[in-house]
Amino acid sequence: MATRIMLSCHEASRLASEGRDRKLTILEKATLRFHIYLCAICKKVEKQMHLLAQAAGRSLEEEEKRLEEKGVNLPQESKDRIKKELPNS
């Protein structure tokens, strides 16, 4: 099966999004990196995805601290299970 080297912007966006939820194959990573290297728009989209993921992670940590201050505390096992289910944890 032949693999195309250049992705469309739609395919690159899909792969970048999937990469937040699962580990991409070496070929997927390489073709995505190549597309982003050449496409300024997709480079901006990927950067925005990264910033949103960071903000969501910070919000989760801040919420956990707020709940602990109120005396609400999940067992570590529950915290670990939740974190495991979150993308890129």
N, C-alpha and C. Protein backbone atom coordinates (compact mmCIF):
# COMPACT_ATOMS: atom_id res chain seq x y z
N MET A 1 0.83 -1.17 0.00
CA MET A 1 0.00 0.00 0.00
C MET A 1 0.89 1.25 0.00
N ALA A 2 0.66 2.11 -0.93
CA ALA A 2 1.44 3.34 -1.03
C ALA A 2 0.90 4.37 -0.06
N THR A 3 1.81 5.10 0.55
CA THR A 3 1.43 6.14 1.50
C THR A 3 1.79 7.50 0.91
N ARG A 4 0.83 8.41 0.96
CA ARG A 4 1.11 9.76 0.47
C ARG A 4 1.99 10.48 1.48
N ILE A 5 2.90 11.27 0.96
CA ILE A 5 3.81 12.01 1.83
C ILE A 5 3.14 13.29 2.33
N MET A 6 2.36 13.96 1.48
CA MET A 6 1.74 15.22 1.87
C MET A 6 0.29 15.02 2.25
N LEU A 7 -0.05 15.46 3.44
CA LEU A 7 -1.42 15.40 3.92
C LEU A 7 -2.18 16.64 3.47
N SER A 8 -3.50 16.53 3.40
CA SER A 8 -4.32 17.72 3.23
C SER A 8 -4.41 18.41 4.59
N CYS A 9 -4.85 19.65 4.61
CA CYS A 9 -5.02 20.35 5.89
C CYS A 9 -6.05 19.63 6.77
N HIS A 10 -7.09 19.12 6.17
CA HIS A 10 -8.11 18.39 6.92
C HIS A 10 -7.50 17.15 7.57
N GLU A 11 -6.70 16.40 6.83
CA GLU A 11 -6.06 15.20 7.38
C GLU A 11 -5.06 15.56 8.48
N ALA A 12 -4.32 16.65 8.27
CA ALA A 12 -3.35 17.08 9.27
C ALA A 12 -4.05 17.49 10.56
N SER A 13 -5.15 18.20 10.43
CA SER A 13 -5.92 18.62 11.61
C SER A 13 -6.44 17.40 12.37
N ARG A 14 -6.95 16.43 11.63
CA ARG A 14 -7.46 15.20 12.26
C ARG A 14 -6.34 14.47 12.99
N LEU A 15 -5.18 14.34 12.34
CA LEU A 15 -4.06 13.64 12.98
C LEU A 15 -3.56 14.39 14.21
N ALA A 16 -3.48 15.71 14.12
CA ALA A 16 -3.02 16.50 15.26
C ALA A 16 -3.97 16.31 16.44
N SER A 17 -5.25 16.28 16.15
CA SER A 17 -6.25 16.07 17.20
C SER A 17 -6.14 14.66 17.78
N GLU A 18 -6.01 13.66 16.91
CA GLU A 18 -5.86 12.27 17.37
C GLU A 18 -4.60 12.10 18.19
N GLY A 19 -3.56 12.84 17.85
CA GLY A 19 -2.30 12.76 18.57
C GLY A 19 -2.41 13.20 20.02
N ARG A 20 -3.46 13.93 20.34
CA ARG A 20 -3.71 14.33 21.73
C ARG A 20 -4.34 13.18 22.52
N ASP A 21 -4.95 12.22 21.79
CA ASP A 21 -5.66 11.12 22.45
C ASP A 21 -4.94 9.78 22.38
N ARG A 22 -4.06 9.64 21.41
CA ARG A 22 -3.34 8.37 21.26
C ARG A 22 -1.95 8.65 20.69
N LYS A 23 -1.10 7.66 20.81
CA LYS A 23 0.25 7.78 20.27
C LYS A 23 0.20 7.55 18.76
N LEU A 24 0.69 8.52 17.99
CA LEU A 24 0.72 8.37 16.54
C LEU A 24 1.86 7.45 16.13
N THR A 25 1.66 6.78 14.99
CA THR A 25 2.74 5.94 14.46
C THR A 25 3.87 6.84 13.98
N ILE A 26 5.01 6.27 13.76
CA ILE A 26 6.16 7.04 13.26
C ILE A 26 5.82 7.70 11.93
N LEU A 27 5.15 6.96 11.05
CA LEU A 27 4.78 7.51 9.74
C LEU A 27 3.78 8.65 9.89
N GLU A 28 2.80 8.49 10.78
CA GLU A 28 1.82 9.56 11.01
C GLU A 28 2.52 10.81 11.54
N LYS A 29 3.41 10.62 12.51
CA LYS A 29 4.14 11.76 13.07
C LYS A 29 4.96 12.47 12.00
N ALA A 30 5.66 11.68 11.19
CA ALA A 30 6.52 12.26 10.16
C ALA A 30 5.72 13.03 9.12
N THR A 31 4.62 12.46 8.66
CA THR A 31 3.83 13.16 7.64
C THR A 31 3.16 14.40 8.24
N LEU A 32 2.74 14.32 9.49
CA LEU A 32 2.15 15.49 10.15
C LEU A 32 3.20 16.59 10.32
N ARG A 33 4.38 16.23 10.82
CA ARG A 33 5.46 17.22 10.99
C ARG A 33 5.81 17.87 9.65
N PHE A 34 5.88 17.07 8.58
CA PHE A 34 6.22 17.60 7.26
C PHE A 34 5.15 18.60 6.81
N HIS A 35 3.88 18.24 6.99
CA HIS A 35 2.80 19.15 6.59
C HIS A 35 2.86 20.45 7.39
N ILE A 36 3.04 20.33 8.70
CA ILE A 36 3.07 21.51 9.55
C ILE A 36 4.29 22.38 9.23
N TYR A 37 5.38 21.77 8.86
CA TYR A 37 6.58 22.51 8.45
C TYR A 37 6.28 23.39 7.25
N LEU A 38 5.46 22.88 6.32
CA LEU A 38 5.17 23.60 5.08
C LEU A 38 3.93 24.49 5.15
N CYS A 39 3.03 24.25 6.09
CA CYS A 39 1.74 24.93 6.10
C CYS A 39 1.63 25.86 7.33
N ALA A 40 1.67 27.15 7.08
CA ALA A 40 1.62 28.12 8.18
C ALA A 40 0.29 28.08 8.93
N ILE A 41 -0.80 27.83 8.22
CA ILE A 41 -2.11 27.80 8.87
C ILE A 41 -2.19 26.62 9.83
N CYS A 42 -1.78 25.44 9.38
CA CYS A 42 -1.82 24.26 10.25
C CYS A 42 -0.85 24.39 11.41
N LYS A 43 0.25 25.09 11.19
CA LYS A 43 1.20 25.34 12.28
C LYS A 43 0.51 26.15 13.38
N LYS A 44 -0.28 27.16 12.97
CA LYS A 44 -1.02 27.98 13.95
C LYS A 44 -2.09 27.15 14.65
N VAL A 45 -2.79 26.30 13.90
CA VAL A 45 -3.83 25.46 14.48
C VAL A 45 -3.23 24.52 15.52
N GLU A 46 -2.10 23.90 15.19
CA GLU A 46 -1.47 22.99 16.14
C GLU A 46 -1.03 23.73 17.40
N LYS A 47 -0.50 24.92 17.24
CA LYS A 47 -0.08 25.71 18.39
C LYS A 47 -1.29 26.04 19.27
N GLN A 48 -2.42 26.38 18.64
CA GLN A 48 -3.63 26.68 19.40
C GLN A 48 -4.12 25.45 20.16
N MET A 49 -4.07 24.27 19.52
CA MET A 49 -4.46 23.02 20.20
C MET A 49 -3.58 22.79 21.42
N HIS A 50 -2.30 23.03 21.27
CA HIS A 50 -1.36 22.84 22.37
C HIS A 50 -1.67 23.79 23.52
N LEU A 51 -1.94 25.06 23.21
CA LEU A 51 -2.25 26.04 24.24
C LEU A 51 -3.55 25.70 24.96
N LEU A 52 -4.55 25.23 24.22
CA LEU A 52 -5.81 24.82 24.84
C LEU A 52 -5.61 23.63 25.78
N ALA A 53 -4.81 22.67 25.35
CA ALA A 53 -4.53 21.50 26.19
C ALA A 53 -3.82 21.92 27.47
N GLN A 54 -2.87 22.85 27.36
CA GLN A 54 -2.16 23.34 28.54
C GLN A 54 -3.13 24.04 29.49
N ALA A 55 -4.01 24.89 28.93
CA ALA A 55 -4.96 25.62 29.76
C ALA A 55 -5.91 24.66 30.46
N ALA A 56 -6.36 23.64 29.76
CA ALA A 56 -7.26 22.65 30.37
C ALA A 56 -6.55 21.92 31.50
N GLY A 57 -5.28 21.59 31.32
CA GLY A 57 -4.51 20.91 32.36
C GLY A 57 -4.33 21.78 33.58
N ARG A 58 -4.06 23.06 33.35
CA ARG A 58 -3.91 23.98 34.48
C ARG A 58 -5.23 24.12 35.23
N SER A 59 -6.31 24.21 34.49
CA SER A 59 -7.62 24.36 35.13
C SER A 59 -7.93 23.15 36.01
N LEU A 60 -7.57 21.96 35.55
CA LEU A 60 -7.80 20.75 36.33
C LEU A 60 -7.00 20.80 37.63
N GLU A 61 -5.75 21.20 37.54
CA GLU A 61 -4.91 21.29 38.73
C GLU A 61 -5.45 22.34 39.70
N GLU A 62 -5.88 23.49 39.17
CA GLU A 62 -6.42 24.54 40.01
C GLU A 62 -7.70 24.08 40.71
N GLU A 63 -8.56 23.37 39.98
CA GLU A 63 -9.80 22.87 40.57
C GLU A 63 -9.51 21.85 41.67
N GLU A 64 -8.53 21.00 41.46
CA GLU A 64 -8.16 20.01 42.48
C GLU A 64 -7.69 20.71 43.76
N LYS A 65 -6.88 21.76 43.62
CA LYS A 65 -6.40 22.51 44.79
C LYS A 65 -7.56 23.17 45.51
N ARG A 66 -8.50 23.75 44.74
CA ARG A 66 -9.65 24.43 45.34
C ARG A 66 -10.49 23.44 46.16
N LEU A 67 -10.71 22.25 45.60
CA LEU A 67 -11.50 21.24 46.32
C LEU A 67 -10.79 20.77 47.58
N GLU A 68 -9.47 20.58 47.49
CA GLU A 68 -8.71 20.16 48.67
C GLU A 68 -8.80 21.19 49.79
N GLU A 69 -8.78 22.50 49.41
CA GLU A 69 -8.89 23.57 50.40
C GLU A 69 -10.24 23.50 51.12
N LYS A 70 -11.28 23.03 50.41
CA LYS A 70 -12.61 22.91 51.01
C LYS A 70 -12.77 21.60 51.77
N GLY A 71 -11.75 20.78 51.78
CA GLY A 71 -11.82 19.51 52.49
C GLY A 71 -12.37 18.37 51.66
N VAL A 72 -12.60 18.60 50.37
CA VAL A 72 -13.07 17.54 49.48
C VAL A 72 -11.82 16.90 48.89
N ASN A 73 -11.66 15.60 49.11
CA ASN A 73 -10.44 14.95 48.66
C ASN A 73 -10.75 13.56 48.12
N LEU A 74 -10.39 13.32 46.88
CA LEU A 74 -10.54 11.99 46.29
C LEU A 74 -9.39 11.10 46.72
N PRO A 75 -9.63 9.82 46.84
CA PRO A 75 -8.52 8.90 47.09
C PRO A 75 -7.53 8.94 45.92
N GLN A 76 -6.27 8.71 46.20
CA GLN A 76 -5.24 8.76 45.16
C GLN A 76 -5.56 7.80 44.02
N GLU A 77 -6.11 6.65 44.34
CA GLU A 77 -6.47 5.67 43.30
C GLU A 77 -7.46 6.27 42.31
N SER A 78 -8.43 7.02 42.80
CA SER A 78 -9.42 7.66 41.93
C SER A 78 -8.76 8.74 41.08
N LYS A 79 -7.88 9.53 41.68
CA LYS A 79 -7.17 10.57 40.93
C LYS A 79 -6.34 9.95 39.80
N ASP A 80 -5.64 8.87 40.12
CA ASP A 80 -4.81 8.20 39.13
C ASP A 80 -5.65 7.66 37.97
N ARG A 81 -6.81 7.09 38.31
CA ARG A 81 -7.69 6.54 37.28
C ARG A 81 -8.22 7.64 36.36
N ILE A 82 -8.58 8.79 36.92
CA ILE A 82 -9.07 9.92 36.13
C ILE A 82 -7.96 10.44 35.23
N LYS A 83 -6.78 10.66 35.80
CA LYS A 83 -5.66 11.17 35.02
C LYS A 83 -5.28 10.23 33.88
N LYS A 84 -5.39 8.92 34.13
CA LYS A 84 -5.07 7.94 33.10
C LYS A 84 -6.01 8.07 31.90
N GLU A 85 -7.25 8.42 32.16
CA GLU A 85 -8.24 8.55 31.09
C GLU A 85 -8.13 9.86 30.32
N LEU A 86 -7.46 10.85 30.89
CA LEU A 86 -7.30 12.14 30.20
C LEU A 86 -6.22 12.03 29.14
N PRO A 87 -6.40 12.71 27.99
CA PRO A 87 -5.38 12.67 26.95
C PRO A 87 -4.09 13.34 27.43
N ASN A 88 -2.97 12.76 27.03
CA ASN A 88 -1.63 13.31 27.33
C ASN A 88 -1.39 13.54 28.80
N SER A 89 -1.81 12.60 29.62
CA SER A 89 -1.56 12.71 31.05
C SER A 89 -0.36 11.92 31.44
